[in-house]
């Protein structure tokens, strides 16, 4: 029986890729749960499978074995259309590169997920303004991405991910392109919003110092997940 406080559940999840005549194991028999409102960081060497794990959690890739549940639904048994609907309803994504649409303002970019979800335009605009205010971009809403600094662009991307109040945010190196000060400020903002909205947060990062500020830190090593051990 699924526990209702779990947003994501992974049972015996594995991922292998065909490399010519060989099968390369990236992730092996992972047991991994994300509780509602929990913040988790995932660290590991480059190429260890951190991003692969995040893609599996978000239904962007399919495991070779095992079960992944999103809000109790086994996404390994669903069609791509059904997975997409669950993803749009319950997940938000943040990447190392902001992926904002350059021809639209910050406000219009943040409105996009709401409009896709068929929220009326006036309501979508109001919700987007509230979220942009929360991330400190109240005075920059009309600016396009090219008119924003790197830190401001990432704040807008985070506002876009959180504007639907998703059950969980999945973030892949969200501070990877920022200097130390901006990275720390952006992470502060993400954690503050995560607590305010009671949203779960799973972040892949190469930065051990930032990783240590989460409720739980996990390491991907040789395809396995293990508790983080500081040097």
C-alpha atoms as a PDB file:
ATOM      1  CA  UNK A   1       0.000   0.000   0.000  1.00  0.00           C
ATOM      2  CA  UNK A   2       1.391   3.393  -0.970  1.00  0.00           C
ATOM      3  CA  UNK A   3       1.953   5.911   1.763  1.00  0.00           C
ATOM      4  CA  UNK A   4       0.155   9.154   0.871  1.00  0.00           C
ATOM      5  CA  UNK A   5       3.035  11.327   2.080  1.00  0.00           C
ATOM      6  CA  UNK A   6       5.301   9.964  -0.672  1.00  0.00           C
ATOM      7  CA  UNK A   7       5.367  12.112  -3.810  1.00  0.00           C
ATOM      8  CA  UNK A   8       7.765   9.798  -5.666  1.00  0.00           C
ATOM      9  CA  UNK A   9       8.557   6.143  -4.949  1.00  0.00           C
ATOM     10  CA  UNK A  10      11.238   4.054  -6.667  1.00  0.00           C
ATOM     11  CA  UNK A  11      11.428   0.310  -6.174  1.00  0.00           C
ATOM     12  CA  UNK A  12      14.344  -1.739  -7.561  1.00  0.00           C
ATOM     13  CA  UNK A  13      14.909   0.790 -10.368  1.00  0.00           C
ATOM     14  CA  UNK A  14      17.656   0.026 -12.876  1.00  0.00           C
ATOM     15  CA  UNK A  15      18.785   1.641 -16.114  1.00  0.00           C
ATOM     16  CA  UNK A  16      21.031   0.132 -18.771  1.00  0.00           C
ATOM     17  CA  UNK A  17      22.017   1.373 -22.223  1.00  0.00           C
ATOM     18  CA  UNK A  18      23.127  -0.593 -25.256  1.00  0.00           C
ATOM     19  CA  UNK A  19      26.629   0.420 -26.357  1.00  0.00           C
ATOM     20  CA  UNK A  20      27.269  -1.575 -29.492  1.00  0.00           C
ATOM     21  CA  UNK A  21      27.518  -5.187 -28.362  1.00  0.00           C
ATOM     22  CA  UNK A  22      27.672  -4.258 -24.680  1.00  0.00           C
ATOM     23  CA  UNK A  23      25.047  -3.314 -22.131  1.00  0.00           C
ATOM     24  CA  UNK A  24      26.212  -0.513 -19.857  1.00  0.00           C
ATOM     25  CA  UNK A  25      24.601  -0.378 -16.420  1.00  0.00           C
ATOM     26  CA  UNK A  26      24.068   3.204 -15.258  1.00  0.00           C
ATOM     27  CA  UNK A  27      21.751   2.675 -12.289  1.00  0.00           C
ATOM     28  CA  UNK A  28      21.331  -0.595 -10.413  1.00  0.00           C
ATOM     29  CA  UNK A  29      18.427  -1.616  -8.156  1.00  0.00           C
ATOM     30  CA  UNK A  30      17.717   1.796  -6.593  1.00  0.00           C
ATOM     31  CA  UNK A  31      15.316   2.161  -3.688  1.00  0.00           C
ATOM     32  CA  UNK A  32      14.405   5.821  -3.456  1.00  0.00           C
ATOM     33  CA  UNK A  33      11.432   7.729  -1.976  1.00  0.00           C
ATOM     34  CA  UNK A  34      10.643  11.429  -1.822  1.00  0.00           C
ATOM     35  CA  UNK A  35       8.320  12.563   0.964  1.00  0.00           C
ATOM     36  CA  UNK A  36       5.974  15.497   0.607  1.00  0.00           C
ATOM     37  CA  UNK A  37       7.786  18.700   1.535  1.00  0.00           C
ATOM     38  CA  UNK A  38      11.226  17.037   1.678  1.00  0.00           C
ATOM     39  CA  UNK A  39      14.350  18.517   0.104  1.00  0.00           C
ATOM     40  CA  UNK A  40      16.938  16.084  -1.277  1.00  0.00           C
ATOM     41  CA  UNK A  41      20.208  16.771  -3.048  1.00  0.00           C
ATOM     42  CA  UNK A  42      21.964  14.168  -5.180  1.00  0.00           C
ATOM     43  CA  UNK A  43      25.717  14.330  -5.692  1.00  0.00           C
ATOM     44  CA  UNK A  44      28.216  12.140  -7.499  1.00  0.00           C
ATOM     45  CA  UNK A  45      31.040  12.139 -10.014  1.00  0.00           C
ATOM     46  CA  UNK A  46      30.454  13.345 -13.555  1.00  0.00           C
ATOM     47  CA  UNK A  47      28.789  10.585 -15.561  1.00  0.00           C
ATOM     48  CA  UNK A  48      27.665   8.710 -12.437  1.00  0.00           C
ATOM     49  CA  UNK A  49      24.001   8.720 -13.470  1.00  0.00           C
ATOM     50  CA  UNK A  50      22.667  11.671 -11.446  1.00  0.00           C
ATOM     51  CA  UNK A  51      20.880  13.292 -14.379  1.00  0.00           C
ATOM     52  CA  UNK A  52      19.653   9.903 -15.609  1.00  0.00           C
ATOM     53  CA  UNK A  53      18.041   9.346 -12.221  1.00  0.00           C
ATOM     54  CA  UNK A  54      16.351  12.744 -12.357  1.00  0.00           C
ATOM     55  CA  UNK A  55      15.000  12.013 -15.847  1.00  0.00           C
ATOM     56  CA  UNK A  56      13.579   8.707 -14.623  1.00  0.00           C
ATOM     57  CA  UNK A  57      11.906  10.386 -11.647  1.00  0.00           C
ATOM     58  CA  UNK A  58      10.298  12.887 -14.003  1.00  0.00           C
ATOM     59  CA  UNK A  59       9.091  10.340 -16.520  1.00  0.00           C
ATOM     60  CA  UNK A  60      11.395  11.788 -19.178  1.00  0.00           C
ATOM     61  CA  UNK A  61      13.125   8.413 -19.565  1.00  0.00           C
ATOM     62  CA  UNK A  62      12.022   4.827 -18.959  1.00  0.00           C
ATOM     63  CA  UNK A  63      13.748   2.496 -16.485  1.00  0.00           C
ATOM     64  CA  UNK A  64      15.045  -0.843 -17.708  1.00  0.00           C
ATOM     65  CA  UNK A  65      13.622  -2.463 -14.597  1.00  0.00           C
ATOM     66  CA  UNK A  66      11.695  -1.655 -11.457  1.00  0.00           C
ATOM     67  CA  UNK A  67       8.794   0.625 -10.581  1.00  0.00           C
ATOM     68  CA  UNK A  68       8.483   4.404 -10.275  1.00  0.00           C
ATOM     69  CA  UNK A  69       5.342   5.898  -8.755  1.00  0.00           C
ATOM     70  CA  UNK A  70       4.369   9.549  -9.031  1.00  0.00           C
ATOM     71  CA  UNK A  71       1.620  10.445  -6.550  1.00  0.00           C
ATOM     72  CA  UNK A  72       0.830   6.744  -6.299  1.00  0.00           C
ATOM     73  CA  UNK A  73       0.588   6.159 -10.073  1.00  0.00           C
ATOM     74  CA  UNK A  74       3.037   3.652 -11.567  1.00  0.00           C
ATOM     75  CA  UNK A  75       4.390   5.686 -14.478  1.00  0.00           C
ATOM     76  CA  UNK A  76       6.247   2.682 -15.909  1.00  0.00           C
ATOM     77  CA  UNK A  77       2.848   1.254 -16.886  1.00  0.00           C
ATOM     78  CA  UNK A  78       1.377   4.419 -18.432  1.00  0.00           C
ATOM     79  CA  UNK A  79       1.289   5.794 -21.963  1.00  0.00           C
ATOM     80  CA  UNK A  80       3.463   8.803 -22.817  1.00  0.00           C
ATOM     81  CA  UNK A  81       0.309  10.938 -22.970  1.00  0.00           C
ATOM     82  CA  UNK A  82      -0.768   9.867 -19.477  1.00  0.00           C
ATOM     83  CA  UNK A  83       2.759  10.421 -18.125  1.00  0.00           C
ATOM     84  CA  UNK A  84       2.758  13.893 -19.681  1.00  0.00           C
ATOM     85  CA  UNK A  85      -0.516  14.734 -17.959  1.00  0.00           C
ATOM     86  CA  UNK A  86       0.809  13.589 -14.573  1.00  0.00           C
ATOM     87  CA  UNK A  87       4.059  15.463 -15.153  1.00  0.00           C
ATOM     88  CA  UNK A  88       2.222  18.701 -15.986  1.00  0.00           C
ATOM     89  CA  UNK A  89      -0.004  18.319 -12.946  1.00  0.00           C
ATOM     90  CA  UNK A  90       2.518  17.377 -10.279  1.00  0.00           C
ATOM     91  CA  UNK A  91       6.066  18.263 -11.372  1.00  0.00           C
ATOM     92  CA  UNK A  92       8.130  21.344 -12.111  1.00  0.00           C
ATOM     93  CA  UNK A  93      11.551  21.274 -13.789  1.00  0.00           C
ATOM     94  CA  UNK A  94      14.592  23.557 -13.476  1.00  0.00           C
ATOM     95  CA  UNK A  95      17.740  23.039 -15.538  1.00  0.00           C
ATOM     96  CA  UNK A  96      21.283  24.421 -15.590  1.00  0.00           C
ATOM     97  CA  UNK A  97      20.288  26.494 -18.617  1.00  0.00           C
ATOM     98  CA  UNK A  98      17.129  28.495 -18.031  1.00  0.00           C
ATOM     99  CA  UNK A  99      15.318  27.534 -21.280  1.00  0.00           C
ATOM    100  CA  UNK A 100      13.245  30.721 -21.193  1.00  0.00           C
ATOM    101  CA  UNK A 101      11.672  31.666 -24.507  1.00  0.00           C
ATOM    102  CA  UNK A 102      13.735  34.652 -25.718  1.00  0.00           C
ATOM    103  CA  UNK A 103      10.909  36.443 -27.543  1.00  0.00           C
ATOM    104  CA  UNK A 104       8.675  36.604 -24.463  1.00  0.00           C
ATOM    105  CA  UNK A 105       8.922  38.679 -21.290  1.00  0.00           C
ATOM    106  CA  UNK A 106       9.645  37.172 -17.889  1.00  0.00           C
ATOM    107  CA  UNK A 107       5.949  37.499 -17.073  1.00  0.00           C
ATOM    108  CA  UNK A 108       4.872  35.751 -20.269  1.00  0.00           C
ATOM    109  CA  UNK A 109       7.392  32.950 -19.705  1.00  0.00           C
ATOM    110  CA  UNK A 110       6.099  32.312 -16.184  1.00  0.00           C
ATOM    111  CA  UNK A 111       2.495  32.364 -17.406  1.00  0.00           C
ATOM    112  CA  UNK A 112       3.168  29.612 -19.965  1.00  0.00           C
ATOM    113  CA  UNK A 113       2.621  26.523 -17.742  1.00  0.00           C
ATOM    114  CA  UNK A 114      -0.650  27.986 -16.476  1.00  0.00           C
ATOM    115  CA  UNK A 115      -1.905  28.767 -19.964  1.00  0.00           C
ATOM    116  CA  UNK A 116      -0.944  25.259 -21.093  1.00  0.00           C
ATOM    117  CA  UNK A 117      -3.011  24.003 -18.149  1.00  0.00           C
ATOM    118  CA  UNK A 118      -5.929  26.066 -19.514  1.00  0.00           C
ATOM    119  CA  UNK A 119      -5.980  28.578 -16.676  1.00  0.00           C
ATOM    120  CA  UNK A 120      -7.780  31.773 -17.846  1.00  0.00           C
ATOM    121  CA  UNK A 121      -5.305  34.400 -19.016  1.00  0.00           C
ATOM    122  CA  UNK A 122      -6.188  37.006 -16.368  1.00  0.00           C
ATOM    123  CA  UNK A 123      -5.796  34.459 -13.571  1.00  0.00           C
ATOM    124  CA  UNK A 124      -2.548  33.137 -15.074  1.00  0.00           C
ATOM    125  CA  UNK A 125      -1.133  36.653 -15.244  1.00  0.00           C
ATOM    126  CA  UNK A 126      -2.011  37.348 -11.615  1.00  0.00           C
ATOM    127  CA  UNK A 127      -0.459  34.076 -10.400  1.00  0.00           C
ATOM    128  CA  UNK A 128       2.679  34.707 -12.454  1.00  0.00           C
ATOM    129  CA  UNK A 129       3.038  38.224 -11.024  1.00  0.00           C
ATOM    130  CA  UNK A 130       2.769  36.871  -7.474  1.00  0.00           C
ATOM    131  CA  UNK A 131       5.458  34.258  -8.137  1.00  0.00           C
ATOM    132  CA  UNK A 132       7.805  36.726  -9.842  1.00  0.00           C
ATOM    133  CA  UNK A 133       7.417  39.013  -6.847  1.00  0.00           C
ATOM    134  CA  UNK A 134       8.374  36.116  -4.554  1.00  0.00           C
ATOM    135  CA  UNK A 135      11.624  35.548  -6.496  1.00  0.00           C
ATOM    136  CA  UNK A 136      12.521  39.250  -6.438  1.00  0.00           C
ATOM    137  CA  UNK A 137      11.655  40.122 -10.037  1.00  0.00           C
ATOM    138  CA  UNK A 138       8.714  42.448  -9.441  1.00  0.00           C
ATOM    139  CA  UNK A 139      10.484  45.270 -11.261  1.00  0.00           C
ATOM    140  CA  UNK A 140      11.730  43.045 -14.101  1.00  0.00           C
ATOM    141  CA  UNK A 141       8.529  41.348 -15.266  1.00  0.00           C
ATOM    142  CA  UNK A 142       8.381  43.132 -18.615  1.00  0.00           C
ATOM    143  CA  UNK A 143      12.005  42.348 -19.473  1.00  0.00           C
ATOM    144  CA  UNK A 144      12.909  39.613 -21.922  1.00  0.00           C
ATOM    145  CA  UNK A 145      15.532  37.010 -20.982  1.00  0.00           C
ATOM    146  CA  UNK A 146      18.248  38.828 -22.948  1.00  0.00           C
ATOM    147  CA  UNK A 147      17.699  41.890 -20.737  1.00  0.00           C
ATOM    148  CA  UNK A 148      18.114  39.933 -17.488  1.00  0.00           C
ATOM    149  CA  UNK A 149      21.289  38.882 -15.666  1.00  0.00           C
ATOM    150  CA  UNK A 150      22.184  35.202 -15.326  1.00  0.00           C
ATOM    151  CA  UNK A 151      20.861  35.072 -11.771  1.00  0.00           C
ATOM    152  CA  UNK A 152      17.649  36.852 -12.785  1.00  0.00           C
ATOM    153  CA  UNK A 153      17.074  34.440 -15.658  1.00  0.00           C
ATOM    154  CA  UNK A 154      17.429  31.474 -13.326  1.00  0.00           C
ATOM    155  CA  UNK A 155      15.039  33.099 -10.838  1.00  0.00           C
ATOM    156  CA  UNK A 156      12.498  33.499 -13.644  1.00  0.00           C
ATOM    157  CA  UNK A 157      12.982  29.837 -14.589  1.00  0.00           C
ATOM    158  CA  UNK A 158      12.366  28.808 -10.974  1.00  0.00           C
ATOM    159  CA  UNK A 159       9.243  30.993 -10.834  1.00  0.00           C
ATOM    160  CA  UNK A 160       8.004  29.266 -13.996  1.00  0.00           C
ATOM    161  CA  UNK A 161       8.605  25.830 -12.449  1.00  0.00           C
ATOM    162  CA  UNK A 162       6.843  26.721  -9.201  1.00  0.00           C
ATOM    163  CA  UNK A 163       3.943  28.814 -10.486  1.00  0.00           C
ATOM    164  CA  UNK A 164       1.672  25.770 -10.750  1.00  0.00           C
ATOM    165  CA  UNK A 165       2.459  24.832  -7.108  1.00  0.00           C
ATOM    166  CA  UNK A 166       3.664  21.348  -8.124  1.00  0.00           C
ATOM    167  CA  UNK A 167       4.028  18.474  -5.695  1.00  0.00           C
ATOM    168  CA  UNK A 168       7.738  18.220  -6.527  1.00  0.00           C
ATOM    169  CA  UNK A 169      10.450  20.260  -8.259  1.00  0.00           C
ATOM    170  CA  UNK A 170      13.192  18.335 -10.067  1.00  0.00           C
ATOM    171  CA  UNK A 171      16.268  20.483 -10.665  1.00  0.00           C
ATOM    172  CA  UNK A 172      19.405  19.502 -12.616  1.00  0.00           C
ATOM    173  CA  UNK A 173      22.404  21.677 -11.642  1.00  0.00           C
ATOM    174  CA  UNK A 174      20.180  24.786 -11.224  1.00  0.00           C
ATOM    175  CA  UNK A 175      23.114  26.885  -9.975  1.00  0.00           C
ATOM    176  CA  UNK A 176      25.754  25.379 -12.275  1.00  0.00           C
ATOM    177  CA  UNK A 177      26.117  28.496 -14.427  1.00  0.00           C
ATOM    178  CA  UNK A 178      26.185  30.982 -11.548  1.00  0.00           C
ATOM    179  CA  UNK A 179      29.009  32.398  -9.448  1.00  0.00           C
ATOM    180  CA  UNK A 180      29.194  31.447  -5.767  1.00  0.00           C
ATOM    181  CA  UNK A 181      27.204  34.445  -4.473  1.00  0.00           C
ATOM    182  CA  UNK A 182      24.419  34.109  -7.035  1.00  0.00           C
ATOM    183  CA  UNK A 183      24.335  30.331  -6.594  1.00  0.00           C
ATOM    184  CA  UNK A 184      23.877  30.698  -2.842  1.00  0.00           C
ATOM    185  CA  UNK A 185      21.174  33.355  -3.270  1.00  0.00           C
ATOM    186  CA  UNK A 186      19.258  31.281  -5.820  1.00  0.00           C
ATOM    187  CA  UNK A 187      19.422  28.212  -3.582  1.00  0.00           C
ATOM    188  CA  UNK A 188      18.192  30.261  -0.606  1.00  0.00           C
ATOM    189  CA  UNK A 189      15.238  31.355  -2.693  1.00  0.00           C
ATOM    190  CA  UNK A 190      14.452  27.811  -3.868  1.00  0.00           C
ATOM    191  CA  UNK A 191      14.521  26.426  -0.324  1.00  0.00           C
ATOM    192  CA  UNK A 192      12.390  29.301   1.010  1.00  0.00           C
ATOM    193  CA  UNK A 193       9.763  28.733  -1.695  1.00  0.00           C
ATOM    194  CA  UNK A 194       9.912  24.988  -1.178  1.00  0.00           C
ATOM    195  CA  UNK A 195       9.055  25.433   2.502  1.00  0.00           C
ATOM    196  CA  UNK A 196       6.403  28.061   1.838  1.00  0.00           C
ATOM    197  CA  UNK A 197       4.607  25.938  -0.776  1.00  0.00           C
ATOM    198  CA  UNK A 198       5.282  22.579   0.978  1.00  0.00           C
ATOM    199  CA  UNK A 199       6.748  21.354  -2.302  1.00  0.00           C
ATOM    200  CA  UNK A 200       9.246  18.509  -2.459  1.00  0.00           C
ATOM    201  CA  UNK A 201      12.588  19.427  -4.009  1.00  0.00           C
ATOM    202  CA  UNK A 202      15.101  17.060  -5.626  1.00  0.00           C
ATOM    203  CA  UNK A 203      18.277  18.752  -6.852  1.00  0.00           C
ATOM    204  CA  UNK A 204      21.241  17.266  -8.689  1.00  0.00           C
ATOM    205  CA  UNK A 205      24.385  19.278  -7.974  1.00  0.00           C
ATOM    206  CA  UNK A 206      28.164  18.951  -8.171  1.00  0.00           C
ATOM    207  CA  UNK A 207      28.535  21.437  -5.298  1.00  0.00           C
ATOM    208  CA  UNK A 208      28.960  19.554  -2.003  1.00  0.00           C
ATOM    209  CA  UNK A 209      28.678  22.750   0.054  1.00  0.00           C
ATOM    210  CA  UNK A 210      25.287  23.655  -1.421  1.00  0.00           C
ATOM    211  CA  UNK A 211      24.170  20.024  -1.244  1.00  0.00           C
ATOM    212  CA  UNK A 212      24.690  20.019   2.516  1.00  0.00           C
ATOM    213  CA  UNK A 213      21.856  22.508   3.021  1.00  0.00           C
ATOM    214  CA  UNK A 214      19.158  19.992   2.077  1.00  0.00           C
ATOM    215  CA  UNK A 215      17.170  17.703   4.390  1.00  0.00           C
ATOM    216  CA  UNK A 216      18.929  14.677   2.912  1.00  0.00           C
ATOM    217  CA  UNK A 217      22.006  14.234   0.726  1.00  0.00           C
ATOM    218  CA  UNK A 218      22.469  11.126  -1.416  1.00  0.00           C
ATOM    219  CA  UNK A 219      25.445  10.040  -3.492  1.00  0.00           C
ATOM    220  CA  UNK A 220      25.285   8.130  -6.779  1.00  0.00           C
ATOM    221  CA  UNK A 221      28.310   5.836  -6.901  1.00  0.00           C
ATOM    222  CA  UNK A 222      28.769   2.866  -9.258  1.00  0.00           C
ATOM    223  CA  UNK A 223      25.069   2.927 -10.079  1.00  0.00           C
ATOM    224  CA  UNK A 224      24.000   2.760  -6.429  1.00  0.00           C
ATOM    225  CA  UNK A 225      22.554   5.348  -4.066  1.00  0.00           C
ATOM    226  CA  UNK A 226      24.245   5.851  -0.713  1.00  0.00           C
ATOM    227  CA  UNK A 227      24.107   8.436   2.075  1.00  0.00           C
ATOM    228  CA  UNK A 228      26.532  11.300   1.516  1.00  0.00           C
ATOM    229  CA  UNK A 229      29.774  11.216   3.492  1.00  0.00           C
ATOM    230  CA  UNK A 230      31.591  14.560   3.704  1.00  0.00           C
ATOM    231  CA  UNK A 231      35.339  14.643   3.103  1.00  0.00           C
END
